[in-house]
Amino acid sequence: MAELAFQRLRQAATELLFPPSCGLCGCERSEGTSAAEFCDDCVASLQPPATLVCSRCAMPCPAYQVELGQCVHCQPLKLRFSAALTLGPYEGVLRQVVLKVKHPEFESLAYQVAGQLAGRVQERFPALPFDLVTCVPMHWLRRWWRGGSAAELLAKRVAKELRLAFYADALYCRRLLKRQAALTPPQRRLNVRRAYQVSSSFDLRDARVLLVDDVLTTGATANECARALRRAGAISITVAALARSSGELA
């Protein structure tokens, strides 16, 4: 009893001297905040956006196109993934999140926001029609340079939350790519063309795959990963990303 009382006293003293702060905006957060490391305002900013989005490519679209899976953005395209979902548009707080989780020092933030993404997946697909979770891979040299992979961190937590198998190395990047952010949509398509392959160690025949990334921009990278997964025998690929940029689709 004495030890328990001491632990509580120490915790109270710590919180008094070092008030808990939000992992996103850095402001002091109140006790009982609805997410372990986020203040109420930032939690609210990560809630589902009011804007309707296409069930296939996650781009904003009119209500009548939402469930068709072929909005004006993706209808003329040959997308290899079956559906896509995100926490919201790549702006404001969510943009800050995406930029931060790319760095190893924000691993705890990646862990927290991945839990939000897992919740969104479960809302959209209550029956969880997936056999496994994997992530968009990073070339080994770029991964070494950055000190880790944001997509892998996110995917690992999503898989844990959804109680699905996590295949971290199912996909690999065959060559060092140029930075997609600096390229036009046509250049992005060319940059990632045939860049991804499924490892021979994995049998993905008839697999239903949840593919995780940090941001979905033109869709070129996700599409090439989906192409590789389908070549390996996967029958469906759903993309889950933290944010959706409004850039032109690939």
Protein backbone atom coordinates (compact mmCIF):
# COMPACT_ATOMS: atom_id res chain seq x y z
CA MET A 1 0.00 0.00 0.00
CA ALA A 2 2.79 2.38 0.91
CA GLU A 3 4.57 1.67 -2.38
CA LEU A 4 1.37 2.30 -4.37
CA ALA A 5 0.78 5.59 -2.53
CA PHE A 6 4.36 6.65 -3.27
CA GLN A 7 3.95 5.86 -7.00
CA ARG A 8 0.79 7.95 -7.16
CA LEU A 9 2.46 10.82 -5.35
CA ARG A 10 5.45 10.68 -7.71
CA GLN A 11 3.15 10.66 -10.75
CA ALA A 12 1.19 13.65 -9.42
CA ALA A 13 4.41 15.56 -8.75
CA THR A 14 5.72 14.79 -12.25
CA GLU A 15 2.51 16.03 -13.87
CA LEU A 16 2.62 19.18 -11.76
CA LEU A 17 6.21 19.99 -12.71
CA PHE A 18 5.97 18.74 -16.31
CA PRO A 19 2.35 19.08 -17.52
CA PRO A 20 1.50 16.64 -20.33
CA SER A 21 1.73 18.25 -23.76
CA CYS A 22 0.08 17.41 -27.07
CA GLY A 23 2.20 15.30 -29.41
CA LEU A 24 0.99 17.36 -32.38
CA CYS A 25 0.78 21.04 -31.50
CA GLY A 26 2.84 21.01 -28.28
CA CYS A 27 0.22 22.78 -26.17
CA GLU A 28 -0.51 21.70 -22.62
CA ARG A 29 -3.31 19.15 -22.67
CA SER A 30 -5.84 18.55 -19.94
CA GLU A 31 -6.11 15.36 -17.92
CA GLY A 32 -8.55 12.91 -19.48
CA THR A 33 -7.88 13.96 -23.06
CA SER A 34 -9.57 11.48 -25.41
CA ALA A 35 -6.31 10.35 -27.03
CA ALA A 36 -3.20 9.56 -25.02
CA GLU A 37 -0.89 12.14 -26.60
CA PHE A 38 -3.24 14.57 -28.38
CA CYS A 39 -5.10 17.61 -27.10
CA ASP A 40 -8.84 17.89 -27.71
CA ASP A 41 -8.43 20.31 -30.63
CA CYS A 42 -6.00 18.01 -32.45
CA VAL A 43 -8.16 14.96 -31.78
CA ALA A 44 -11.09 16.84 -33.35
CA SER A 45 -8.95 17.68 -36.38
CA LEU A 46 -8.33 13.97 -36.98
CA GLN A 47 -12.02 13.10 -37.08
CA PRO A 48 -13.63 12.10 -40.42
CA PRO A 49 -13.94 15.13 -42.74
CA ALA A 50 -17.40 16.35 -43.70
CA THR A 51 -16.43 16.24 -47.38
CA LEU A 52 -17.59 13.13 -49.23
CA VAL A 53 -14.83 11.11 -50.88
CA CYS A 54 -14.68 8.41 -53.54
CA SER A 55 -14.61 4.89 -52.10
CA ARG A 56 -12.06 3.85 -54.74
CA CYS A 57 -9.47 6.64 -54.73
CA ALA A 58 -10.38 8.72 -51.62
CA MET A 59 -10.64 11.96 -53.59
CA PRO A 60 -13.49 14.42 -52.79
CA CYS A 61 -16.46 13.82 -55.08
CA PRO A 62 -20.26 14.34 -55.31
CA ALA A 63 -22.53 12.16 -53.17
CA TYR A 64 -23.84 10.08 -56.07
CA GLN A 65 -20.26 9.00 -56.96
CA VAL A 66 -19.16 7.99 -53.45
CA GLU A 67 -20.23 4.34 -53.57
CA LEU A 68 -19.76 3.87 -57.31
CA GLY A 69 -16.02 3.64 -56.85
CA GLN A 70 -15.46 5.48 -60.09
CA CYS A 71 -15.50 9.21 -59.57
CA VAL A 72 -14.48 11.72 -62.22
CA HIS A 73 -10.90 11.46 -60.98
CA CYS A 74 -10.38 7.70 -61.15
CA GLN A 75 -13.01 6.55 -63.67
CA PRO A 76 -10.70 6.84 -66.70
CA LEU A 77 -7.75 5.23 -64.90
CA LYS A 78 -6.63 1.64 -64.54
CA LEU A 79 -6.19 1.42 -60.79
CA ARG A 80 -4.88 -1.88 -59.48
CA PHE A 81 -6.12 -1.29 -55.93
CA SER A 82 -9.75 -1.94 -55.05
CA ALA A 83 -10.38 0.85 -52.54
CA ALA A 84 -8.62 3.61 -50.65
CA LEU A 85 -9.20 5.44 -47.39
CA THR A 86 -7.42 8.11 -45.35
CA LEU A 87 -7.88 10.13 -42.19
CA GLY A 88 -8.46 13.24 -44.29
CA PRO A 89 -6.90 15.78 -46.65
CA TYR A 90 -3.18 16.57 -46.59
CA GLU A 91 -3.50 19.93 -44.87
CA GLY A 92 -3.44 21.56 -41.44
CA VAL A 93 -2.71 19.29 -38.49
CA LEU A 94 -2.75 16.14 -40.59
CA ARG A 95 -0.07 17.55 -42.88
CA GLN A 96 2.08 18.24 -39.79
CA VAL A 97 1.54 14.64 -38.69
CA VAL A 98 2.66 13.21 -42.03
CA LEU A 99 5.80 15.36 -42.08
CA LYS A 100 6.71 14.46 -38.49
CA VAL A 101 6.23 10.70 -38.70
CA LYS A 102 8.80 10.52 -41.49
CA HIS A 103 11.46 11.08 -38.81
CA PRO A 104 12.50 8.39 -36.28
CA GLU A 105 12.26 10.77 -33.29
CA PHE A 106 8.48 10.91 -33.78
CA GLU A 107 7.93 7.15 -33.52
CA SER A 108 5.51 7.57 -30.62
CA LEU A 109 3.43 9.98 -32.70
CA ALA A 110 3.36 7.48 -35.58
CA TYR A 111 2.17 4.83 -33.12
CA GLN A 112 -0.66 7.04 -31.90
CA VAL A 113 -1.93 8.21 -35.27
CA ALA A 114 -1.72 4.68 -36.70
CA GLY A 115 -4.25 3.71 -34.07
CA GLN A 116 -6.55 6.36 -35.51
CA LEU A 117 -6.02 4.92 -38.98
CA ALA A 118 -6.81 1.40 -37.78
CA GLY A 119 -10.04 2.72 -36.34
CA ARG A 120 -10.93 4.27 -39.68
CA VAL A 121 -10.28 0.96 -41.46
CA GLN A 122 -12.56 -0.85 -39.01
CA GLU A 123 -15.31 1.75 -39.51
CA ARG A 124 -15.14 1.36 -43.28
CA PHE A 125 -14.72 -2.43 -43.28
CA PRO A 126 -16.34 -3.86 -40.10
CA ALA A 127 -15.86 -7.44 -41.28
CA LEU A 128 -12.15 -6.77 -41.97
CA PRO A 129 -11.97 -8.59 -45.32
CA PHE A 130 -8.16 -8.78 -45.26
CA ASP A 131 -5.69 -11.60 -44.85
CA LEU A 132 -2.64 -9.48 -44.14
CA VAL A 133 -1.19 -6.00 -43.82
CA THR A 134 1.91 -4.79 -45.61
CA CYS A 135 3.41 -1.40 -46.41
CA VAL A 136 4.79 0.60 -49.30
CA PRO A 137 8.51 -0.27 -49.14
CA MET A 138 11.46 2.08 -49.16
CA HIS A 139 14.73 1.33 -50.94
CA TRP A 140 17.24 0.01 -48.42
CA LEU A 141 19.66 2.92 -49.02
CA ARG A 142 17.02 5.61 -48.45
CA ARG A 143 15.76 3.71 -45.42
CA TRP A 144 19.27 3.62 -43.96
CA TRP A 145 19.68 7.33 -44.65
CA ARG A 146 16.39 8.24 -42.93
CA GLY A 147 16.83 5.82 -40.08
CA GLY A 148 13.54 4.01 -40.63
CA SER A 149 10.31 3.78 -42.59
CA ALA A 150 7.17 5.69 -41.60
CA ALA A 151 4.96 3.40 -43.68
CA GLU A 152 6.32 0.33 -41.88
CA LEU A 153 5.76 1.84 -38.43
CA LEU A 154 2.20 2.76 -39.33
CA ALA A 155 1.45 -0.63 -40.91
CA LYS A 156 2.83 -2.54 -37.93
CA ARG A 157 0.51 -0.72 -35.50
CA VAL A 158 -2.48 -1.00 -37.85
CA ALA A 159 -1.94 -4.75 -38.13
CA LYS A 160 -1.66 -5.09 -34.35
CA GLU A 161 -4.83 -3.08 -33.74
CA LEU A 162 -6.80 -5.07 -36.32
CA ARG A 163 -5.24 -8.39 -35.23
CA LEU A 164 -4.03 -9.18 -38.73
CA ALA A 165 -0.77 -10.71 -39.92
CA PHE A 166 1.90 -8.12 -40.72
CA TYR A 167 4.22 -8.90 -43.64
CA ALA A 168 6.80 -6.14 -43.37
CA ASP A 169 8.99 -7.42 -46.20
CA ALA A 170 6.38 -8.76 -48.58
CA LEU A 171 7.24 -5.96 -51.02
CA TYR A 172 10.65 -4.52 -51.76
CA CYS A 173 11.89 -1.61 -53.86
CA ARG A 174 14.17 -2.76 -56.65
CA ARG A 175 16.00 0.51 -57.32
CA LEU A 176 16.76 3.87 -55.71
CA LEU A 177 14.01 6.24 -56.82
CA LYS A 178 13.92 9.97 -57.28
CA ARG A 179 11.83 11.88 -54.73
CA GLN A 180 8.22 11.74 -55.93
CA ALA A 181 7.42 15.14 -54.39
CA ALA A 182 9.73 16.87 -56.87
CA LEU A 183 8.16 15.26 -59.97
CA THR A 184 5.13 15.90 -62.16
CA PRO A 185 2.39 13.21 -62.31
CA PRO A 186 3.74 11.72 -65.60
CA GLN A 187 7.27 11.72 -64.16
CA ARG A 188 6.00 10.03 -60.99
CA ARG A 189 4.45 7.22 -63.02
CA LEU A 190 7.71 6.69 -64.89
CA ASN A 191 9.80 6.93 -61.73
CA VAL A 192 8.01 4.04 -59.99
CA ARG A 193 7.25 1.96 -63.07
CA ARG A 194 8.08 -1.69 -62.20
CA ALA A 195 10.02 -0.49 -59.15
CA TYR A 196 8.32 -2.86 -56.69
CA GLN A 197 8.31 -6.63 -56.43
CA VAL A 198 6.97 -9.25 -54.06
CA SER A 199 9.64 -11.24 -52.25
CA SER A 200 9.88 -14.89 -53.28
CA SER A 201 9.63 -15.78 -49.57
CA PHE A 202 5.92 -14.93 -49.52
CA ASP A 203 3.01 -16.79 -51.09
CA LEU A 204 0.30 -14.20 -51.76
CA ARG A 205 -1.93 -16.26 -54.01
CA ASP A 206 -5.59 -15.37 -53.35
CA ALA A 207 -4.53 -12.95 -50.61
CA ARG A 208 -6.62 -9.90 -49.66
CA VAL A 209 -4.10 -7.21 -48.80
CA LEU A 210 -4.28 -4.00 -46.79
CA LEU A 211 -1.49 -1.76 -48.10
CA VAL A 212 -0.43 1.07 -45.75
CA ASP A 213 1.41 4.31 -46.55
CA ASP A 214 1.75 7.74 -44.96
CA VAL A 215 0.24 9.86 -47.76
CA LEU A 216 -1.62 9.17 -51.00
CA THR A 217 -0.81 11.86 -53.56
CA THR A 218 -1.09 10.89 -57.21
CA GLY A 219 -1.56 7.22 -56.40
CA ALA A 220 1.34 6.22 -58.65
CA THR A 221 3.30 4.47 -55.91
CA ALA A 222 0.29 2.65 -54.46
CA ASN A 223 -0.74 1.61 -57.95
CA GLU A 224 2.66 0.10 -58.73
CA CYS A 225 2.71 -1.74 -55.41
CA ALA A 226 -0.77 -3.06 -56.17
CA ARG A 227 0.43 -4.15 -59.62
CA ALA A 228 3.24 -6.18 -58.03
CA LEU A 229 0.84 -7.71 -55.48
CA ARG A 230 -1.60 -8.73 -58.20
CA ARG A 231 1.20 -10.27 -60.27
CA ALA A 232 2.00 -12.36 -57.19
CA GLY A 233 -1.60 -13.58 -57.03
CA ALA A 234 -3.31 -11.18 -54.59
CA ILE A 235 -7.00 -10.85 -55.43
CA SER A 236 -7.70 -7.50 -53.77
CA ILE A 237 -5.67 -4.56 -52.49
CA THR A 238 -7.03 -1.80 -50.26
CA VAL A 239 -4.88 1.27 -49.61
CA ALA A 240 -4.93 2.96 -46.20
CA ALA A 241 -2.97 6.18 -45.74
CA LEU A 242 -2.89 8.97 -43.18
CA ALA A 243 -3.67 11.73 -45.67
CA ARG A 244 -4.92 12.35 -49.20
CA SER A 245 -3.30 15.05 -51.27
CA SER A 246 -5.46 16.72 -53.90
CA GLY A 247 -2.81 16.22 -56.56
CA GLU A 248 -3.70 14.86 -59.99
CA LEU A 249 -4.17 11.10 -59.96
CA ALA A 250 -1.68 8.86 -61.73
